[in-house]
Amino acid sequence: MKQQTVSQQALDLLSQDGGFSLSITGTTPTSGAMVSIYPQYERKLTTVSESDIAQYLFDHIDVLSQPGHYLGAWVDNSTVYLDVSINAPLERALDLARQHNQLAVFDLATFDSVYVQ
């Protein structure tokens, strides 16, 4: 039942803010940066529903249950991206992004993407 609650919260955040980072307990990180170190878990959708998010949570519950791991989502050019992200200090997140061939991290202090150089 908690999974559906988090799924609805996630869908609401996506609709309101265009993206989010959310733990399986429904908390959001407030400092540092978000980075995906699991490109194999990225999922692209043209539309997203509560059941899509619930299924993603179910499929990746083992990794999302780990401390410091979050369900991440954002919209880019009408595509919705779902992934598993971790929270880290900005410089560490940028290092991890480089190691995992990511284009950017999301800085929670500025609410902007910081691109890897």
Protein backbone atom coordinates (compact mmCIF):
# COMPACT_ATOMS: atom_id res chain seq x y z
CA MET A 1 0.00 0.00 0.00
CA LYS A 2 2.88 2.40 0.74
CA GLN A 3 4.10 1.88 -2.82
CA GLN A 4 0.88 3.37 -4.24
CA THR A 5 1.15 6.35 -1.91
CA VAL A 6 4.70 7.04 -3.09
CA SER A 7 3.58 6.52 -6.68
CA GLN A 8 0.85 9.14 -6.34
CA GLN A 9 3.22 11.54 -4.55
CA ALA A 10 5.74 11.04 -7.36
CA LEU A 11 3.16 11.71 -10.06
CA ASP A 12 2.00 14.86 -8.25
CA LEU A 13 5.58 16.15 -7.94
CA LEU A 14 6.26 15.43 -11.61
CA SER A 15 3.10 17.32 -12.63
CA GLN A 16 3.86 20.28 -10.35
CA ASP A 17 7.62 20.62 -10.69
CA GLY A 18 8.61 18.76 -13.86
CA GLY A 19 10.85 16.42 -11.89
CA PHE A 20 11.68 15.03 -8.48
CA SER A 21 13.89 12.84 -6.32
CA LEU A 22 11.88 10.76 -3.87
CA SER A 23 12.77 7.93 -1.50
CA ILE A 24 10.56 4.88 -1.16
CA THR A 25 9.44 6.31 2.19
CA GLY A 26 8.31 9.53 0.51
CA THR A 27 11.14 11.83 1.60
CA THR A 28 13.07 14.19 -0.64
CA PRO A 29 16.74 15.14 -0.28
CA THR A 30 17.41 18.77 0.62
CA SER A 31 21.15 19.26 0.05
CA GLY A 32 23.95 18.09 -2.19
CA ALA A 33 23.31 16.86 -5.70
CA MET A 34 21.50 14.01 -7.38
CA VAL A 35 23.30 11.70 -9.77
CA SER A 36 22.38 8.46 -11.46
CA ILE A 37 25.04 5.77 -11.22
CA TYR A 38 22.71 3.12 -12.65
CA PRO A 39 22.21 3.93 -16.34
CA GLN A 40 20.85 0.40 -16.82
CA TYR A 41 17.75 1.39 -14.80
CA GLU A 42 16.84 4.45 -16.87
CA ARG A 43 13.40 4.23 -18.40
CA LYS A 44 12.01 6.62 -21.03
CA LEU A 45 8.28 7.17 -21.43
CA THR A 46 6.18 9.43 -23.64
CA THR A 47 3.48 9.56 -20.95
CA VAL A 48 3.57 8.42 -17.34
CA SER A 49 0.85 7.21 -15.01
CA GLU A 50 0.72 6.25 -11.36
CA SER A 51 0.77 2.59 -12.40
CA ASP A 52 3.96 3.17 -14.49
CA ILE A 53 5.66 4.63 -11.42
CA ALA A 54 4.36 1.84 -9.18
CA GLN A 55 5.71 -0.76 -11.62
CA TYR A 56 9.10 0.99 -11.76
CA LEU A 57 9.24 1.01 -7.94
CA PHE A 58 8.33 -2.68 -7.86
CA ASP A 59 10.92 -3.59 -10.51
CA HIS A 60 13.76 -1.74 -8.73
CA ILE A 61 12.77 -2.05 -5.07
CA ASP A 62 16.02 -3.82 -4.15
CA VAL A 63 18.23 -0.92 -5.23
CA LEU A 64 15.74 1.79 -4.20
CA SER A 65 15.67 0.29 -0.69
CA GLN A 66 19.36 1.03 -0.20
CA PRO A 67 20.22 4.06 1.98
CA GLY A 68 20.67 7.28 0.01
CA HIS A 69 18.91 5.94 -3.10
CA TYR A 70 15.99 7.75 -4.69
CA LEU A 71 13.49 7.41 -7.49
CA GLY A 72 14.29 10.25 -9.88
CA ALA A 73 12.22 11.66 -12.72
CA TRP A 74 12.34 14.60 -15.07
CA VAL A 75 10.88 15.71 -18.38
CA ASP A 76 13.05 16.63 -21.36
CA ASN A 77 11.63 17.32 -24.83
CA SER A 78 8.30 15.63 -24.00
CA THR A 79 10.05 12.48 -22.77
CA VAL A 80 9.69 11.43 -19.14
CA TYR A 81 12.79 9.82 -17.66
CA LEU A 82 12.67 7.55 -14.61
CA ASP A 83 15.87 6.44 -12.90
CA VAL A 84 17.55 5.49 -9.65
CA SER A 85 19.65 8.34 -8.26
CA ILE A 86 21.86 8.82 -5.26
CA ASN A 87 22.47 11.93 -3.20
CA ALA A 88 26.05 13.15 -2.75
CA PRO A 89 27.96 16.39 -2.22
CA LEU A 90 28.23 18.29 -5.52
CA GLU A 91 31.90 17.55 -6.29
CA ARG A 92 31.44 13.86 -5.46
CA ALA A 93 28.30 13.74 -7.61
CA LEU A 94 30.21 15.27 -10.54
CA ASP A 95 32.99 12.67 -10.12
CA LEU A 96 30.40 9.89 -10.07
CA ALA A 97 28.68 11.34 -13.14
CA ARG A 98 31.96 11.23 -15.06
CA GLN A 99 32.61 7.64 -13.95
CA HIS A 100 29.13 6.55 -15.08
CA ASN A 101 29.01 8.52 -18.35
CA GLN A 102 26.26 10.87 -17.20
CA LEU A 103 25.79 14.28 -18.83
CA ALA A 104 24.86 16.20 -15.68
CA VAL A 105 23.89 16.14 -12.03
CA PHE A 106 21.08 18.06 -10.36
CA ASP A 107 22.26 20.57 -7.75
CA LEU A 108 19.71 20.81 -4.94
CA ALA A 109 21.11 24.16 -3.75
CA THR A 110 20.35 25.93 -7.04
CA PHE A 111 17.75 23.59 -8.55
CA ASP A 112 19.76 23.55 -11.75
CA SER A 113 21.53 20.90 -13.77
CA VAL A 114 25.32 21.07 -13.56
CA TYR A 115 26.88 19.60 -16.67
CA VAL A 116 29.95 17.40 -16.54
CA GLN A 117 32.91 18.94 -18.33
